[in-house]
Every structure is written in C-alpha cells, then in structure tokens.
C-alpha atoms as a PDB file:
ATOM      1  CA  MET A   1      73.102  87.253 121.115  1.00  0.00           C
ATOM      2  CA  SER A   2      76.344  87.526 119.045  1.00  0.00           C
ATOM      3  CA  ILE A   3      77.703  84.519 116.517  1.00  0.00           C
ATOM      4  CA  VAL A   4      80.466  83.897 119.087  1.00  0.00           C
ATOM      5  CA  GLU A   5      78.086  83.333 121.909  1.00  0.00           C
ATOM      6  CA  ASN A   6      75.809  81.259 120.083  1.00  0.00           C
ATOM      7  CA  LYS A   7      78.664  79.464 117.755  1.00  0.00           C
ATOM      8  CA  ARG A   8      76.943  76.073 117.563  1.00  0.00           C
ATOM      9  CA  LYS A   9      73.685  77.307 116.519  1.00  0.00           C
ATOM     10  CA  PHE A  10      75.182  79.745 114.016  1.00  0.00           C
ATOM     11  CA  LEU A  11      77.146  76.976 112.556  1.00  0.00           C
ATOM     12  CA  LYS A  12      74.433  74.545 112.158  1.00  0.00           C
ATOM     13  CA  GLU A  13      72.013  76.820 110.571  1.00  0.00           C
ATOM     14  CA  GLY A  14      74.987  78.487 108.617  1.00  0.00           C
ATOM     15  CA  THR A  15      75.819  75.130 107.087  1.00  0.00           C
ATOM     16  CA  LYS A  16      72.019  74.445 105.987  1.00  0.00           C
ATOM     17  CA  THR A  17      72.047  77.836 104.390  1.00  0.00           C
ATOM     18  CA  LEU A  18      75.382  77.293 102.599  1.00  0.00           C
ATOM     19  CA  ASP A  19      74.087  73.994 101.267  1.00  0.00           C
ATOM     20  CA  LYS A  20      71.082  75.661  99.838  1.00  0.00           C
ATOM     21  CA  ILE A  21      73.333  78.371  98.171  1.00  0.00           C
ATOM     22  CA  VAL A  22      75.709  75.860  96.727  1.00  0.00           C
ATOM     23  CA  ASP A  23      72.709  73.820  95.382  1.00  0.00           C
ATOM     24  CA  SER A  24      71.120  77.047  93.868  1.00  0.00           C
ATOM     25  CA  LEU A  25      74.546  77.528  91.779  1.00  0.00           C
ATOM     26  CA  GLU A  26      73.921  73.966  90.089  1.00  0.00           C
ATOM     27  CA  ASN A  27      72.459  73.883  86.691  1.00  0.00           C
ATOM     28  CA  LEU A  28      73.151  77.583  85.657  1.00  0.00           C
ATOM     29  CA  PRO A  29      72.158  78.663  82.201  1.00  0.00           C
ATOM     30  CA  VAL A  30      74.391  78.467  79.303  1.00  0.00           C
ATOM     31  CA  LEU A  31      75.505  81.586  77.813  1.00  0.00           C
ATOM     32  CA  LYS A  32      75.054  81.604  73.885  1.00  0.00           C
ATOM     33  CA  VAL A  33      77.347  83.944  72.084  1.00  0.00           C
ATOM     34  CA  GLU A  34      74.796  84.209  69.161  1.00  0.00           C
ATOM     35  CA  ASP A  35      72.437  85.959  71.296  1.00  0.00           C
ATOM     36  CA  LEU A  36      74.850  88.834  72.150  1.00  0.00           C
ATOM     37  CA  SER A  37      75.284  91.151  69.287  1.00  0.00           C
ATOM     38  CA  LYS A  38      78.746  92.924  68.659  1.00  0.00           C
ATOM     39  CA  GLU A  39      77.152  96.342  68.658  1.00  0.00           C
ATOM     40  CA  ASP A  40      75.738  96.261  72.296  1.00  0.00           C
ATOM     41  CA  THR A  41      78.159  93.693  73.912  1.00  0.00           C
ATOM     42  CA  ALA A  42      81.634  94.038  75.329  1.00  0.00           C
ATOM     43  CA  VAL A  43      84.009  91.464  76.971  1.00  0.00           C
ATOM     44  CA  ILE A  44      85.637  92.683  80.394  1.00  0.00           C
ATOM     45  CA  VAL A  45      88.786  90.779  81.503  1.00  0.00           C
ATOM     46  CA  ILE A  46      90.011  91.639  85.119  1.00  0.00           C
ATOM     47  CA  ASP A  47      93.545  91.107  86.141  1.00  0.00           C
ATOM     48  CA  MET A  48      94.694  88.455  83.913  1.00  0.00           C
ATOM     49  CA  ILE A  49      98.236  89.475  84.110  1.00  0.00           C
ATOM     50  CA  ASN A  50     101.434  87.946  85.214  1.00  0.00           C
ATOM     51  CA  GLY A  51     101.412  89.318  88.614  1.00  0.00           C
ATOM     52  CA  PHE A  52      98.342  87.186  89.398  1.00  0.00           C
ATOM     53  CA  ALA A  53      98.620  84.238  87.448  1.00  0.00           C
ATOM     54  CA  LYS A  54     102.315  83.493  87.265  1.00  0.00           C
ATOM     55  CA  GLU A  55     104.782  85.408  89.243  1.00  0.00           C
ATOM     56  CA  GLY A  56     105.168  87.781  92.216  1.00  0.00           C
ATOM     57  CA  ALA A  57     103.753  88.031  95.730  1.00  0.00           C
ATOM     58  CA  LEU A  58     100.006  87.424  94.719  1.00  0.00           C
ATOM     59  CA  ALA A  59     100.331  84.913  91.954  1.00  0.00           C
ATOM     60  CA  SER A  60      97.828  82.164  92.345  1.00  0.00           C
ATOM     61  CA  ASN A  61      97.894  78.599  90.618  1.00  0.00           C
ATOM     62  CA  ARG A  62      94.020  78.659  90.857  1.00  0.00           C
ATOM     63  CA  VAL A  63      94.023  81.834  88.680  1.00  0.00           C
ATOM     64  CA  GLU A  64      96.691  80.272  86.349  1.00  0.00           C
ATOM     65  CA  GLY A  65      94.308  77.289  86.087  1.00  0.00           C
ATOM     66  CA  ILE A  66      91.566  79.209  84.134  1.00  0.00           C
ATOM     67  CA  ILE A  67      93.765  80.400  81.338  1.00  0.00           C
ATOM     68  CA  PRO A  68      92.972  77.570  78.890  1.00  0.00           C
ATOM     69  CA  TYR A  69      89.007  78.230  79.535  1.00  0.00           C
ATOM     70  CA  LEU A  70      89.612  81.943  78.994  1.00  0.00           C
ATOM     71  CA  VAL A  71      91.550  81.293  75.751  1.00  0.00           C
ATOM     72  CA  GLU A  72      88.886  78.866  74.426  1.00  0.00           C
ATOM     73  CA  LYS A  73      86.031  81.309  75.408  1.00  0.00           C
ATOM     74  CA  LEU A  74      87.540  84.421  74.224  1.00  0.00           C
ATOM     75  CA  SER A  75      88.107  83.154  70.855  1.00  0.00           C
ATOM     76  CA  LEU A  76      84.234  82.961  70.698  1.00  0.00           C
ATOM     77  CA  PHE A  77      83.977  86.634  71.051  1.00  0.00           C
ATOM     78  CA  GLU A  78      86.057  87.636  67.661  1.00  0.00           C
ATOM     79  CA  GLY A  79      85.133  91.164  66.784  1.00  0.00           C
ATOM     80  CA  TYR A  80      83.667  92.154  70.080  1.00  0.00           C
ATOM     81  CA  ASN A  81      84.780  95.113  71.816  1.00  0.00           C
ATOM     82  CA  LYS A  82      87.040  94.080  74.963  1.00  0.00           C
ATOM     83  CA  VAL A  83      88.509  95.772  78.095  1.00  0.00           C
ATOM     84  CA  PHE A  84      91.449  94.148  80.020  1.00  0.00           C
ATOM     85  CA  PHE A  85      91.898  95.671  83.350  1.00  0.00           C
ATOM     86  CA  ALA A  86      95.752  95.563  84.647  1.00  0.00           C
ATOM     87  CA  ASP A  87      96.682  96.253  88.104  1.00  0.00           C
ATOM     88  CA  GLU A  88      99.426  98.830  88.140  1.00  0.00           C
ATOM     89  CA  HIS A  89     100.900 100.470  91.274  1.00  0.00           C
ATOM     90  CA  ASN A  90     103.907 103.038  92.055  1.00  0.00           C
ATOM     91  CA  GLU A  91     106.214 102.122  95.028  1.00  0.00           C
ATOM     92  CA  LYS A  92     104.037 104.330  97.427  1.00  0.00           C
ATOM     93  CA  SER A  93     100.658 102.747  96.422  1.00  0.00           C
ATOM     94  CA  ILE A  94      98.205 103.077  99.555  1.00  0.00           C
ATOM     95  CA  GLU A  95      96.776  99.635  98.667  1.00  0.00           C
ATOM     96  CA  PHE A  96     100.303  98.209  99.790  1.00  0.00           C
ATOM     97  CA  GLY A  97      98.953  98.533 103.328  1.00  0.00           C
ATOM     98  CA  ASN A  98      96.549  95.806 102.834  1.00  0.00           C
ATOM     99  CA  TYR A  99      98.322  93.608 100.378  1.00  0.00           C
ATOM    100  CA  PRO A 100     102.113  92.851  99.608  1.00  0.00           C
ATOM    101  CA  ALA A 101     103.713  95.118  97.087  1.00  0.00           C
ATOM    102  CA  HIS A 102     102.819  93.563  93.545  1.00  0.00           C
ATOM    103  CA  CYS A 103     102.490  94.621  89.909  1.00  0.00           C
ATOM    104  CA  LEU A 104     104.391  97.741  89.904  1.00  0.00           C
ATOM    105  CA  LYS A 105     104.057 100.166  86.857  1.00  0.00           C
ATOM    106  CA  GLY A 106     106.377  99.147  84.217  1.00  0.00           C
ATOM    107  CA  SER A 107     107.014  95.678  85.578  1.00  0.00           C
ATOM    108  CA  LYS A 108     106.361  92.382  83.891  1.00  0.00           C
ATOM    109  CA  GLU A 109     103.644  91.473  86.558  1.00  0.00           C
ATOM    110  CA  SER A 110     101.334  94.373  85.256  1.00  0.00           C
ATOM    111  CA  GLU A 111     101.167  92.890  81.709  1.00  0.00           C
ATOM    112  CA  VAL A 112      98.369  90.767  80.420  1.00  0.00           C
ATOM    113  CA  ILE A 113      99.452  87.291  80.312  1.00  0.00           C
ATOM    114  CA  GLU A 114     100.884  86.105  76.914  1.00  0.00           C
ATOM    115  CA  GLU A 115      97.989  83.778  76.093  1.00  0.00           C
ATOM    116  CA  LEU A 116      95.638  86.583  76.034  1.00  0.00           C
ATOM    117  CA  GLN A 117      97.684  89.094  74.052  1.00  0.00           C
ATOM    118  CA  PRO A 118      96.092  88.050  70.799  1.00  0.00           C
ATOM    119  CA  PHE A 119      92.455  88.900  72.206  1.00  0.00           C
ATOM    120  CA  VAL A 120      94.043  92.489  73.178  1.00  0.00           C
ATOM    121  CA  LYS A 121      94.751  93.023  69.546  1.00  0.00           C
ATOM    122  CA  ASP A 122      91.193  92.273  68.527  1.00  0.00           C
ATOM    123  CA  LEU A 123      89.400  95.268  69.594  1.00  0.00           C
ATOM    124  CA  GLY A 124      90.814  95.262  72.952  1.00  0.00           C
ATOM    125  CA  GLU A 125      91.977  98.110  75.197  1.00  0.00           C
ATOM    126  CA  VAL A 126      94.075  97.709  78.250  1.00  0.00           C
ATOM    127  CA  ILE A 127      93.161  99.907  81.274  1.00  0.00           C
ATOM    128  CA  PRO A 128      95.545 100.274  84.299  1.00  0.00           C
ATOM    129  CA  LYS A 129      94.223 100.393  87.721  1.00  0.00           C
ATOM    130  CA  ASN A 130      95.502 101.404  91.046  1.00  0.00           C
ATOM    131  CA  SER A 131      92.638  99.823  93.194  1.00  0.00           C
ATOM    132  CA  THR A 132      90.713  96.633  93.162  1.00  0.00           C
ATOM    133  CA  ASN A 133      87.715  98.433  91.440  1.00  0.00           C
ATOM    134  CA  GLY A 134      88.536  99.195  87.539  1.00  0.00           C
ATOM    135  CA  PHE A 135      85.257 100.848  87.336  1.00  0.00           C
ATOM    136  CA  VAL A 136      86.366 103.801  89.130  1.00  0.00           C
ATOM    137  CA  THR A 137      89.247 104.658  87.043  1.00  0.00           C
ATOM    138  CA  LYS A 138      89.308 107.369  84.582  1.00  0.00           C
ATOM    139  CA  GLY A 139      90.302 104.963  81.835  1.00  0.00           C
ATOM    140  CA  PHE A 140      87.146 103.168  82.036  1.00  0.00           C
ATOM    141  CA  ALA A 141      85.050 106.190  82.137  1.00  0.00           C
ATOM    142  CA  GLU A 142      86.637 107.251  78.987  1.00  0.00           C
ATOM    143  CA  TRP A 143      85.896 103.995  77.343  1.00  0.00           C
ATOM    144  CA  LEU A 144      82.288 103.996  78.290  1.00  0.00           C
ATOM    145  CA  GLY A 145      82.054 107.355  76.721  1.00  0.00           C
ATOM    146  CA  LYS A 146      83.449 105.979  73.556  1.00  0.00           C
ATOM    147  CA  HIS A 147      80.993 103.037  73.426  1.00  0.00           C
ATOM    148  CA  PRO A 148      77.585 104.457  74.507  1.00  0.00           C
ATOM    149  CA  LYS A 149      75.818 101.545  72.888  1.00  0.00           C
ATOM    150  CA  ILE A 150      77.285  98.859  75.092  1.00  0.00           C
ATOM    151  CA  ARG A 151      74.552  97.255  77.179  1.00  0.00           C
ATOM    152  CA  ASN A 152      75.836  93.680  77.804  1.00  0.00           C
ATOM    153  CA  PHE A 153      79.024  93.039  79.870  1.00  0.00           C
ATOM    154  CA  VAL A 154      80.815  89.543  79.869  1.00  0.00           C
ATOM    155  CA  ILE A 155      83.167  89.319  82.867  1.00  0.00           C
ATOM    156  CA  PHE A 156      85.906  87.162  83.277  1.00  0.00           C
ATOM    157  CA  GLY A 157      89.130  87.036  85.469  1.00  0.00           C
ATOM    158  CA  ASP A 158      90.069  87.591  89.145  1.00  0.00           C
ATOM    159  CA  CYS A 159      89.573  87.586  92.059  1.00  0.00           C
ATOM    160  CA  THR A 160      86.089  86.565  92.245  1.00  0.00           C
ATOM    161  CA  ASP A 161      85.560  87.864  95.553  1.00  0.00           C
ATOM    162  CA  LEU A 162      87.388  91.050  95.125  1.00  0.00           C
ATOM    163  CA  CYS A 163      88.189  92.829  91.734  1.00  0.00           C
ATOM    164  CA  VAL A 164      85.492  90.726  89.790  1.00  0.00           C
ATOM    165  CA  LEU A 165      82.828  91.215  92.365  1.00  0.00           C
ATOM    166  CA  GLN A 166      83.626  95.211  93.144  1.00  0.00           C
ATOM    167  CA  PHE A 167      83.508  95.930  89.389  1.00  0.00           C
ATOM    168  CA  SER A 168      80.351  93.889  88.555  1.00  0.00           C
ATOM    169  CA  LEU A 169      78.487  95.421  91.665  1.00  0.00           C
ATOM    170  CA  THR A 170      79.438  98.888  90.607  1.00  0.00           C
ATOM    171  CA  LEU A 171      78.771  98.494  86.936  1.00  0.00           C
ATOM    172  CA  LYS A 172      75.370  97.048  87.700  1.00  0.00           C
ATOM    173  CA  ALA A 173      74.591  99.950  90.060  1.00  0.00           C
ATOM    174  CA  TYR A 174      75.568 102.230  87.451  1.00  0.00           C
ATOM    175  CA  LEU A 175      73.128 100.860  84.950  1.00  0.00           C
ATOM    176  CA  ASN A 176      70.414 100.855  87.603  1.00  0.00           C
ATOM    177  CA  GLU A 177      71.054 104.465  88.405  1.00  0.00           C
ATOM    178  CA  TRP A 178      70.468 105.489  84.857  1.00  0.00           C
ATOM    179  CA  ASP A 179      67.542 103.046  84.275  1.00  0.00           C
ATOM    180  CA  THR A 180      69.509 101.466  81.643  1.00  0.00           C
ATOM    181  CA  ILE A 181      68.398  97.964  80.544  1.00  0.00           C
ATOM    182  CA  GLY A 182      71.464  95.743  80.106  1.00  0.00           C
ATOM    183  CA  HIS A 183      73.033  92.702  81.564  1.00  0.00           C
ATOM    184  CA  VAL A 184      76.197  92.042  83.651  1.00  0.00           C
ATOM    185  CA  ILE A 185      77.217  88.492  82.972  1.00  0.00           C
ATOM    186  CA  VAL A 186      79.650  86.453  85.039  1.00  0.00           C
ATOM    187  CA  PRO A 187      80.499  83.057  83.415  1.00  0.00           C
ATOM    188  CA  VAL A 188      81.355  81.017  86.972  1.00  0.00           C
ATOM    189  CA  LYS A 189      84.067  78.812  85.088  1.00  0.00           C
ATOM    190  CA  GLY A 190      85.836  82.050  83.910  1.00  0.00           C
ATOM    191  CA  VAL A 191      86.547  83.671  87.262  1.00  0.00           C
ATOM    192  CA  GLU A 192      88.642  82.528  90.080  1.00  0.00           C
ATOM    193  CA  THR A 193      90.298  83.465  93.606  1.00  0.00           C
ATOM    194  CA  PHE A 194      93.147  82.718  95.327  1.00  0.00           C
ATOM    195  CA  HIS A 195      93.308  80.172  98.768  1.00  0.00           C
ATOM    196  CA  LEU A 196      95.467  81.149 101.744  1.00  0.00           C
ATOM    197  CA  ASP A 197      94.682  79.474 105.010  1.00  0.00           C
ATOM    198  CA  ALA A 198      97.023  82.083 106.892  1.00  0.00           C
ATOM    199  CA  THR A 199      94.201  84.702 106.363  1.00  0.00           C
ATOM    200  CA  ASN A 200      91.226  82.078 106.117  1.00  0.00           C
ATOM    201  CA  HIS A 201      90.572  82.914 102.603  1.00  0.00           C
ATOM    202  CA  HIS A 202      89.146  79.562 101.641  1.00  0.00           C
ATOM    203  CA  ALA A 203      89.045  79.919  97.784  1.00  0.00           C
ATOM    204  CA  GLU A 204      85.925  77.743  97.065  1.00  0.00           C
ATOM    205  CA  LEU A 205      83.815  79.426  99.999  1.00  0.00           C
ATOM    206  CA  MET A 206      84.939  82.803  98.903  1.00  0.00           C
ATOM    207  CA  ASN A 207      83.441  82.090  95.429  1.00  0.00           C
ATOM    208  CA  VAL A 208      80.217  80.887  96.694  1.00  0.00           C
ATOM    209  CA  PHE A 209      79.686  84.017  98.787  1.00  0.00           C
ATOM    210  CA  ALA A 210      80.770  86.206  95.785  1.00  0.00           C
ATOM    211  CA  PHE A 211      78.435  84.441  93.397  1.00  0.00           C
ATOM    212  CA  TYR A 212      75.521  84.564  95.902  1.00  0.00           C
ATOM    213  CA  ASN A 213      76.146  88.481  96.253  1.00  0.00           C
ATOM    214  CA  MET A 214      76.231  88.983  92.587  1.00  0.00           C
ATOM    215  CA  ARG A 215      72.954  87.293  91.878  1.00  0.00           C
ATOM    216  CA  ALA A 216      71.399  88.875  94.837  1.00  0.00           C
ATOM    217  CA  ASN A 217      72.167  92.257  93.149  1.00  0.00           C
ATOM    218  CA  GLY A 218      71.123  91.380  89.622  1.00  0.00           C
ATOM    219  CA  ILE A 219      74.135  90.084  88.044  1.00  0.00           C
ATOM    220  CA  ASP A 220      73.562  87.118  85.702  1.00  0.00           C
ATOM    221  CA  LEU A 221      75.569  83.838  86.149  1.00  0.00           C
ATOM    222  CA  ALA A 222      76.345  81.691  83.580  1.00  0.00           C
ATOM    223  CA  GLY A 223      77.404  77.928  84.081  1.00  0.00           C
ATOM    224  CA  ASP A 224      79.162  77.815  80.433  1.00  0.00           C
ATOM    225  CA  ILE A 225      79.727  79.819  77.274  1.00  0.00           C
ATOM    226  CA  ARG A 226      78.937  78.244  73.723  1.00  0.00           C
END
C-alpha cells in the first residue's frame, strides 16, 4: 500500500519517528580543537559566498545568519589547512535547469564573503565548482593529492541537505573505499539551508533529514566547537 493510500497511518508513524530522530540530535558531543592536529586536519567551508548568503536569486537569510558563528569558530583553526568551495557557473550551466541562474563566473556572487576572507588567507584555497558536489571537482582531487596526511575534515557551510550533504557523504565513501581511518565532522550549528514554502523545502525539516542521513553513514555530528 502506498504512502498516499495510507496517508493517516504514514503521518502518525512518521511523526513518531521524526520525534525520535530529533531527540537523538540533542546533547551531541562538543568538538575540541585541541584534539585535532594541524598535520592531519583540514577545515572545509562550502559555498559561504555572496550568492548564497547576501545577494542573488538563491541568497538566504538563514545562511547569512550563521556567519558570526563561522567567524568565531574558524578563528579557533588558525594555522590549519582550509578549503573554500565556491559555486561558479557559466551562462549555459546545466544546473540552471534545476535552479535559477546564480553565481556566474567572475561575478560578486561567486566570491567568498568578506567576513571569511581573512581565513582564506590563512592556509586557505578557494576551489570553484560547477555542481552541488565539490568532491567531484578537479581542484579538490588536486588538493587531496597535495595533502596526503589529512585524515580529519571539519565541514561548515550550506546547504545542509544539498552541497554539504553530498560532499560529506562522498568524502566518507572515499575514505571507506580505501580503508582510510579518518573522520568527517559536521558541527550542526555551522551549517544551514534555505526555507522555501513554494517547493515544500522546510528548512528545519531538511536539516534534520540531512543530519540523520549523515550520521547513518558514519559522519560525526558535533553540537559545538571549543
């Protein structure tokens, strides 16, 4: 019997399950920077650019809202290697078949936000991407090749259920494929997604679904960083 055919039962049981998932996300462990060495840890910042945080068709005030937290927490990672993914498209990008035109190459939208520029200068590398998954870029493959000792990845940015989720899952699968002991870590306060009623994209719900998916696939969630 399909979900539509048994809607009432689905909603009742689904609500109970959702409550359990939300409860499981309470009291997450605190990530201690002192436990992560500079030699084997990198910080990954996904799409904290003007086109998602400040201006353009896909800008979100929810994404803008995590900027102060990112500034505070990235300051704890001084001297750590960092990657900043930045959406960058040409005018004929295939992705525009799914999303409004955004973050065109050479535009201000595709630039890392001003507040995070000091961290780009601290062992940071900006890697442009033409899809929602930064892992598949040539730039990141090259970066991995230049940093073979990195085993721990701390991930910030947006959107939780799209670019952050896809990158995190692919990175974890990559480590598993090569039996590499490492950690993909997502601080839940350091990622965010947009809210859009027109497409039933409920931000809080999408965050919960994404966190559940991450943890089910071996990604470490952190309640905060100190």
